Amino acid sequence: MLDALRGPVKAGAAALFAVGLLLLLLNPPSLAGAQGLAIIGGSAIALVLLTAWAFVAMSGRDSMPEHEFERLVRRSEELARHPELLAETDEFDLLVSDAIDSLPQDFQRLLDTTPVVVSQLGAENRAYGHYFGDTVARDDYPDRIVVYQDTLERDFGHDPDLLRAQVERTLRHELAHHLGWRDERSVRDLGL
C-alpha cells in the first residue's frame, strides 16, 4: 500500500513546492490577509493533489501482476537449473540469451542477480521491455528486467536481423535503467 502512494506523494510534494514558491514570488503574503492567504493556500493544495493524482492515474501501473512475474521467474530459474530444458525453449528465448551473451562480461555479472524474463504483456504495457527495481546501487526492491516478446515480434518479426538487433537494444536499454539512468530521455541520450 505504501509503495502505491509513494509516487503520488512525491509528485504532489514537488508540485506543491513549485506552486507555493510561485505564489510566494507573485503575491507575497501580508499578515493582514491571513484568511485570503489560507483560502489561496488551501485551493493550491487541492489543485496540486488533484493534478498529482490525475498524473499518476494516467501514467498507469508500474509493475506486472505478481502471479505473472512469479510464473516467469520460476520458468527462468528452472531453465538455469536444468540446461537440458534449453531444447524446449523457443527461438525468442534464444535471442534474449544471445543478447545477454553479447554484453560485456561486467554487465553479464550484473545479470547474475537480476532475472531477465520474457513476457507476452508488451501490448498491455505498451513497451518492448521494462525494468522493475531500484537500480544496482540500492537493494530495497527485487530487480528484474522484462523483455516483451509480443511487441518485439509484432514490430520487428518480419526481419530476423532487425528483431535480433532490437532485442539486444531493448536489453541494453533496460540494463541502463538498472545501472541508474532512471528516466527515458537520459537512456535515449545514451543511444539506447
C-alpha atoms as a PDB file:
ATOM      1  CA  MET A   1       0.000   0.000   0.000  1.00  0.00           C
ATOM      2  CA  LEU A   2       2.794   2.416   0.889  1.00  0.00           C
ATOM      3  CA  ASP A   3       4.535   1.699  -2.421  1.00  0.00           C
ATOM      4  CA  ALA A   4       1.365   2.615  -4.298  1.00  0.00           C
ATOM      5  CA  LEU A   5       1.250   6.002  -2.550  1.00  0.00           C
ATOM      6  CA  ARG A   6       4.958   6.816  -2.904  1.00  0.00           C
ATOM      7  CA  GLY A   7       4.683   8.123  -6.498  1.00  0.00           C
ATOM      8  CA  PRO A   8       1.610  10.336  -5.948  1.00  0.00           C
ATOM      9  CA  VAL A   9       3.037  11.713  -2.702  1.00  0.00           C
ATOM     10  CA  LYS A  10       6.366  12.602  -4.358  1.00  0.00           C
ATOM     11  CA  ALA A  11       4.597  14.171  -7.342  1.00  0.00           C
ATOM     12  CA  GLY A  12       2.254  16.080  -5.047  1.00  0.00           C
ATOM     13  CA  ALA A  13       5.091  17.330  -2.860  1.00  0.00           C
ATOM     14  CA  ALA A  14       7.099  18.534  -5.855  1.00  0.00           C
ATOM     15  CA  ALA A  15       4.070  20.248  -7.387  1.00  0.00           C
ATOM     16  CA  LEU A  16       3.096  21.766  -4.026  1.00  0.00           C
ATOM     17  CA  PHE A  17       6.573  23.179  -3.564  1.00  0.00           C
ATOM     18  CA  ALA A  18       6.598  24.651  -7.086  1.00  0.00           C
ATOM     19  CA  VAL A  19       3.134  26.200  -6.747  1.00  0.00           C
ATOM     20  CA  GLY A  20       3.888  27.528  -3.271  1.00  0.00           C
ATOM     21  CA  LEU A  21       7.120  29.098  -4.421  1.00  0.00           C
ATOM     22  CA  LEU A  22       5.368  30.635  -7.424  1.00  0.00           C
ATOM     23  CA  LEU A  23       2.586  32.046  -5.230  1.00  0.00           C
ATOM     24  CA  LEU A  24       5.114  33.400  -2.771  1.00  0.00           C
ATOM     25  CA  LEU A  25       7.020  35.181  -5.525  1.00  0.00           C
ATOM     26  CA  LEU A  26       3.929  36.517  -7.319  1.00  0.00           C
ATOM     27  CA  ASN A  27       1.959  37.613  -4.285  1.00  0.00           C
ATOM     28  CA  PRO A  28       3.985  37.912  -1.084  1.00  0.00           C
ATOM     29  CA  PRO A  29       1.682  37.359   1.905  1.00  0.00           C
ATOM     30  CA  SER A  30       0.837  40.043   4.394  1.00  0.00           C
ATOM     31  CA  LEU A  31      -0.292  39.447   7.964  1.00  0.00           C
ATOM     32  CA  ALA A  32      -3.474  41.441   7.343  1.00  0.00           C
ATOM     33  CA  GLY A  33      -4.851  38.979   4.799  1.00  0.00           C
ATOM     34  CA  ALA A  34      -4.437  35.676   6.618  1.00  0.00           C
ATOM     35  CA  GLN A  35      -7.928  34.465   5.671  1.00  0.00           C
ATOM     36  CA  GLY A  36      -7.345  35.169   1.966  1.00  0.00           C
ATOM     37  CA  LEU A  37      -3.938  33.502   2.142  1.00  0.00           C
ATOM     38  CA  ALA A  38      -5.478  30.432   3.792  1.00  0.00           C
ATOM     39  CA  ILE A  39      -8.089  30.195   1.011  1.00  0.00           C
ATOM     40  CA  ILE A  40      -5.433  30.520  -1.692  1.00  0.00           C
ATOM     41  CA  GLY A  41      -3.173  28.012   0.068  1.00  0.00           C
ATOM     42  CA  GLY A  42      -5.996  25.511   0.515  1.00  0.00           C
ATOM     43  CA  SER A  43      -7.035  25.890  -3.107  1.00  0.00           C
ATOM     44  CA  ALA A  44      -3.435  25.452  -4.265  1.00  0.00           C
ATOM     45  CA  ILE A  45      -3.038  22.303  -2.173  1.00  0.00           C
ATOM     46  CA  ALA A  46      -6.276  20.856  -3.560  1.00  0.00           C
ATOM     47  CA  LEU A  47      -5.223  21.689  -7.122  1.00  0.00           C
ATOM     48  CA  VAL A  48      -1.772  20.181  -6.640  1.00  0.00           C
ATOM     49  CA  LEU A  49      -3.110  16.971  -5.105  1.00  0.00           C
ATOM     50  CA  LEU A  50      -5.749  16.604  -7.823  1.00  0.00           C
ATOM     51  CA  THR A  51      -3.121  17.170 -10.530  1.00  0.00           C
ATOM     52  CA  ALA A  52      -0.722  14.686  -8.927  1.00  0.00           C
ATOM     53  CA  TRP A  53      -3.459  12.066  -8.606  1.00  0.00           C
ATOM     54  CA  ALA A  54      -4.509  12.558 -12.254  1.00  0.00           C
ATOM     55  CA  PHE A  55      -0.903  12.331 -13.475  1.00  0.00           C
ATOM     56  CA  VAL A  56      -0.225   9.104 -11.584  1.00  0.00           C
ATOM     57  CA  ALA A  57      -3.570   7.626 -12.654  1.00  0.00           C
ATOM     58  CA  MET A  58      -2.873   8.397 -16.320  1.00  0.00           C
ATOM     59  CA  SER A  59       0.672   7.066 -16.195  1.00  0.00           C
ATOM     60  CA  GLY A  60      -0.642   3.591 -15.380  1.00  0.00           C
ATOM     61  CA  ARG A  61       0.734   0.850 -13.195  1.00  0.00           C
ATOM     62  CA  ASP A  62       4.468   0.410 -12.992  1.00  0.00           C
ATOM     63  CA  SER A  63       4.539  -3.313 -12.492  1.00  0.00           C
ATOM     64  CA  MET A  64       3.255  -6.539 -13.926  1.00  0.00           C
ATOM     65  CA  PRO A  65       0.823  -8.698 -11.968  1.00  0.00           C
ATOM     66  CA  GLU A  66       2.612 -10.623  -9.250  1.00  0.00           C
ATOM     67  CA  HIS A  67       1.360 -14.015 -10.485  1.00  0.00           C
ATOM     68  CA  GLU A  68       2.774 -13.325 -13.971  1.00  0.00           C
ATOM     69  CA  PHE A  69       6.121 -12.278 -12.541  1.00  0.00           C
ATOM     70  CA  GLU A  70       6.302 -15.366 -10.311  1.00  0.00           C
ATOM     71  CA  ARG A  71       5.492 -17.623 -13.281  1.00  0.00           C
ATOM     72  CA  LEU A  72       8.228 -16.024 -15.367  1.00  0.00           C
ATOM     73  CA  VAL A  73      10.812 -16.208 -12.597  1.00  0.00           C
ATOM     74  CA  ARG A  74      10.015 -19.885 -11.914  1.00  0.00           C
ATOM     75  CA  ARG A  75      10.424 -20.631 -15.626  1.00  0.00           C
ATOM     76  CA  SER A  76      13.739 -18.751 -15.821  1.00  0.00           C
ATOM     77  CA  GLU A  77      15.101 -20.403 -12.688  1.00  0.00           C
ATOM     78  CA  GLU A  78      14.084 -23.840 -13.971  1.00  0.00           C
ATOM     79  CA  LEU A  79      15.934 -23.199 -17.235  1.00  0.00           C
ATOM     80  CA  ALA A  80      19.006 -22.056 -15.303  1.00  0.00           C
ATOM     81  CA  ARG A  81      18.994 -25.183 -13.104  1.00  0.00           C
ATOM     82  CA  HIS A  82      18.351 -27.605 -15.967  1.00  0.00           C
ATOM     83  CA  PRO A  83      20.210 -26.645 -19.157  1.00  0.00           C
ATOM     84  CA  GLU A  84      18.769 -29.717 -20.909  1.00  0.00           C
ATOM     85  CA  LEU A  85      15.418 -27.886 -20.954  1.00  0.00           C
ATOM     86  CA  LEU A  86      17.005 -25.431 -23.364  1.00  0.00           C
ATOM     87  CA  ALA A  87      15.816 -27.710 -26.163  1.00  0.00           C
ATOM     88  CA  GLU A  88      12.257 -26.796 -25.129  1.00  0.00           C
ATOM     89  CA  THR A  89      12.874 -23.065 -25.346  1.00  0.00           C
ATOM     90  CA  ASP A  90      11.630 -21.193 -28.336  1.00  0.00           C
ATOM     91  CA  GLU A  91      13.567 -19.079 -30.778  1.00  0.00           C
ATOM     92  CA  PHE A  92      12.802 -15.816 -28.983  1.00  0.00           C
ATOM     93  CA  ASP A  93      14.255 -17.112 -25.706  1.00  0.00           C
ATOM     94  CA  LEU A  94      17.436 -17.901 -27.595  1.00  0.00           C
ATOM     95  CA  LEU A  95      17.513 -14.344 -28.971  1.00  0.00           C
ATOM     96  CA  VAL A  96      17.346 -12.992 -25.425  1.00  0.00           C
ATOM     97  CA  SER A  97      20.025 -15.443 -24.323  1.00  0.00           C
ATOM     98  CA  ASP A  98      22.262 -14.354 -27.221  1.00  0.00           C
ATOM     99  CA  ALA A  99      21.667 -10.699 -26.296  1.00  0.00           C
ATOM    100  CA  ILE A 100      22.829 -11.417 -22.745  1.00  0.00           C
ATOM    101  CA  ASP A 101      25.870 -13.290 -24.048  1.00  0.00           C
ATOM    102  CA  SER A 102      26.785 -10.340 -26.286  1.00  0.00           C
ATOM    103  CA  LEU A 103      27.052  -7.999 -23.289  1.00  0.00           C
ATOM    104  CA  PRO A 104      30.499  -7.205 -21.866  1.00  0.00           C
ATOM    105  CA  GLN A 105      31.498  -9.574 -19.057  1.00  0.00           C
ATOM    106  CA  ASP A 106      30.977  -6.988 -16.277  1.00  0.00           C
ATOM    107  CA  PHE A 107      27.384  -6.408 -17.389  1.00  0.00           C
ATOM    108  CA  GLN A 108      26.747 -10.136 -17.624  1.00  0.00           C
ATOM    109  CA  ARG A 109      27.834 -10.454 -13.995  1.00  0.00           C
ATOM    110  CA  LEU A 110      25.247  -7.833 -13.020  1.00  0.00           C
ATOM    111  CA  LEU A 111      22.573 -10.032 -14.555  1.00  0.00           C
ATOM    112  CA  ASP A 112      23.620 -12.985 -12.379  1.00  0.00           C
ATOM    113  CA  THR A 113      21.461 -11.477  -9.635  1.00  0.00           C
ATOM    114  CA  THR A 114      18.867  -9.754 -11.839  1.00  0.00           C
ATOM    115  CA  PRO A 115      16.427 -12.057 -13.602  1.00  0.00           C
ATOM    116  CA  VAL A 116      15.760 -11.373 -17.269  1.00  0.00           C
ATOM    117  CA  VAL A 117      12.359 -12.751 -18.153  1.00  0.00           C
ATOM    118  CA  VAL A 118      10.323 -12.936 -21.355  1.00  0.00           C
ATOM    119  CA  SER A 119       6.691 -11.883 -21.189  1.00  0.00           C
ATOM    120  CA  GLN A 120       3.719 -11.636 -23.546  1.00  0.00           C
ATOM    121  CA  LEU A 121       2.315  -8.489 -21.891  1.00  0.00           C
ATOM    122  CA  GLY A 122       4.067  -5.901 -24.079  1.00  0.00           C
ATOM    123  CA  ALA A 123       0.916  -4.719 -25.807  1.00  0.00           C
ATOM    124  CA  GLU A 124      -0.769  -4.214 -22.441  1.00  0.00           C
ATOM    125  CA  ASN A 125       2.234  -2.248 -21.158  1.00  0.00           C
ATOM    126  CA  ARG A 126       2.873  -0.513 -24.495  1.00  0.00           C
ATOM    127  CA  ALA A 127       6.580  -1.344 -24.310  1.00  0.00           C
ATOM    128  CA  TYR A 128       9.357  -3.541 -25.677  1.00  0.00           C
ATOM    129  CA  GLY A 129      10.900  -4.009 -22.263  1.00  0.00           C
ATOM    130  CA  HIS A 130      10.598  -2.920 -18.684  1.00  0.00           C
ATOM    131  CA  TYR A 131      12.913  -2.588 -15.701  1.00  0.00           C
ATOM    132  CA  PHE A 132      11.471  -3.140 -12.256  1.00  0.00           C
ATOM    133  CA  GLY A 133      13.588  -2.308  -9.237  1.00  0.00           C
ATOM    134  CA  ASP A 134      15.536   0.496  -7.668  1.00  0.00           C
ATOM    135  CA  THR A 135      18.893   0.358  -9.500  1.00  0.00           C
ATOM    136  CA  VAL A 136      22.040  -1.571  -8.799  1.00  0.00           C
ATOM    137  CA  ALA A 137      23.122   0.979  -6.173  1.00  0.00           C
ATOM    138  CA  ARG A 138      20.163   0.237  -3.902  1.00  0.00           C
ATOM    139  CA  ASP A 139      18.638  -3.012  -2.777  1.00  0.00           C
ATOM    140  CA  ASP A 140      15.232  -2.062  -1.371  1.00  0.00           C
ATOM    141  CA  TYR A 141      13.201  -3.912  -4.019  1.00  0.00           C
ATOM    142  CA  PRO A 142      13.870  -7.001  -6.138  1.00  0.00           C
ATOM    143  CA  ASP A 143      15.321  -6.086  -9.530  1.00  0.00           C
ATOM    144  CA  ARG A 144      14.154  -7.683 -12.766  1.00  0.00           C
ATOM    145  CA  ILE A 145      14.247  -6.968 -16.469  1.00  0.00           C
ATOM    146  CA  VAL A 146      11.299  -7.971 -18.628  1.00  0.00           C
ATOM    147  CA  VAL A 147      11.588  -8.312 -22.410  1.00  0.00           C
ATOM    148  CA  TYR A 148       8.202  -8.301 -24.138  1.00  0.00           C
ATOM    149  CA  GLN A 149       8.105 -10.887 -26.899  1.00  0.00           C
ATOM    150  CA  ASP A 150       4.710  -9.954 -28.324  1.00  0.00           C
ATOM    151  CA  THR A 151       5.502  -6.315 -29.144  1.00  0.00           C
ATOM    152  CA  LEU A 152       9.033  -7.015 -30.356  1.00  0.00           C
ATOM    153  CA  GLU A 153       7.839  -9.763 -32.703  1.00  0.00           C
ATOM    154  CA  ARG A 154       4.876  -7.644 -33.805  1.00  0.00           C
ATOM    155  CA  ASP A 155       7.065  -4.686 -34.807  1.00  0.00           C
ATOM    156  CA  PHE A 156      10.333  -6.384 -35.851  1.00  0.00           C
ATOM    157  CA  GLY A 157       9.463 -10.042 -36.504  1.00  0.00           C
ATOM    158  CA  HIS A 158       9.326  -9.520 -40.268  1.00  0.00           C
ATOM    159  CA  ASP A 159      13.145  -9.251 -40.351  1.00  0.00           C
ATOM    160  CA  PRO A 160      15.155 -11.722 -38.207  1.00  0.00           C
ATOM    161  CA  ASP A 161      18.247  -9.489 -38.151  1.00  0.00           C
ATOM    162  CA  LEU A 162      16.214  -6.452 -37.149  1.00  0.00           C
ATOM    163  CA  LEU A 163      14.457  -8.462 -34.421  1.00  0.00           C
ATOM    164  CA  ARG A 164      17.791  -9.697 -33.064  1.00  0.00           C
ATOM    165  CA  ALA A 165      19.171  -6.128 -33.014  1.00  0.00           C
ATOM    166  CA  GLN A 166      16.078  -4.748 -31.286  1.00  0.00           C
ATOM    167  CA  VAL A 167      16.084  -7.488 -28.630  1.00  0.00           C
ATOM    168  CA  GLU A 168      19.707  -6.603 -27.862  1.00  0.00           C
ATOM    169  CA  ARG A 169      18.921  -2.872 -27.816  1.00  0.00           C
ATOM    170  CA  THR A 170      15.935  -3.429 -25.526  1.00  0.00           C
ATOM    171  CA  LEU A 171      18.021  -5.483 -23.113  1.00  0.00           C
ATOM    172  CA  ARG A 172      20.742  -2.813 -23.044  1.00  0.00           C
ATOM    173  CA  HIS A 173      18.106  -0.105 -22.570  1.00  0.00           C
ATOM    174  CA  GLU A 174      16.612  -1.837 -19.538  1.00  0.00           C
ATOM    175  CA  LEU A 175      20.085  -2.601 -18.187  1.00  0.00           C
ATOM    176  CA  ALA A 176      20.842   1.135 -18.344  1.00  0.00           C
ATOM    177  CA  HIS A 177      17.829   1.716 -16.076  1.00  0.00           C
ATOM    178  CA  HIS A 178      19.218  -0.924 -13.728  1.00  0.00           C
ATOM    179  CA  LEU A 179      22.562   0.913 -13.672  1.00  0.00           C
ATOM    180  CA  GLY A 180      20.892   4.141 -12.570  1.00  0.00           C
ATOM    181  CA  TRP A 181      19.585   6.021 -15.587  1.00  0.00           C
ATOM    182  CA  ARG A 182      16.034   6.427 -14.347  1.00  0.00           C
ATOM    183  CA  ASP A 183      14.227   8.457 -16.981  1.00  0.00           C
ATOM    184  CA  GLU A 184      13.660   7.514 -20.609  1.00  0.00           C
ATOM    185  CA  ARG A 185      15.255  10.656 -22.033  1.00  0.00           C
ATOM    186  CA  SER A 186      18.620  10.061 -20.368  1.00  0.00           C
ATOM    187  CA  VAL A 187      18.668   6.443 -21.571  1.00  0.00           C
ATOM    188  CA  ARG A 188      17.802   7.557 -25.108  1.00  0.00           C
ATOM    189  CA  ASP A 189      20.649  10.074 -24.903  1.00  0.00           C
ATOM    190  CA  LEU A 190      22.929   7.049 -24.474  1.00  0.00           C
ATOM    191  CA  GLY A 191      21.744   5.851 -27.886  1.00  0.00           C
ATOM    192  CA  LEU A 192      19.526   3.135 -26.435  1.00  0.00           C
END
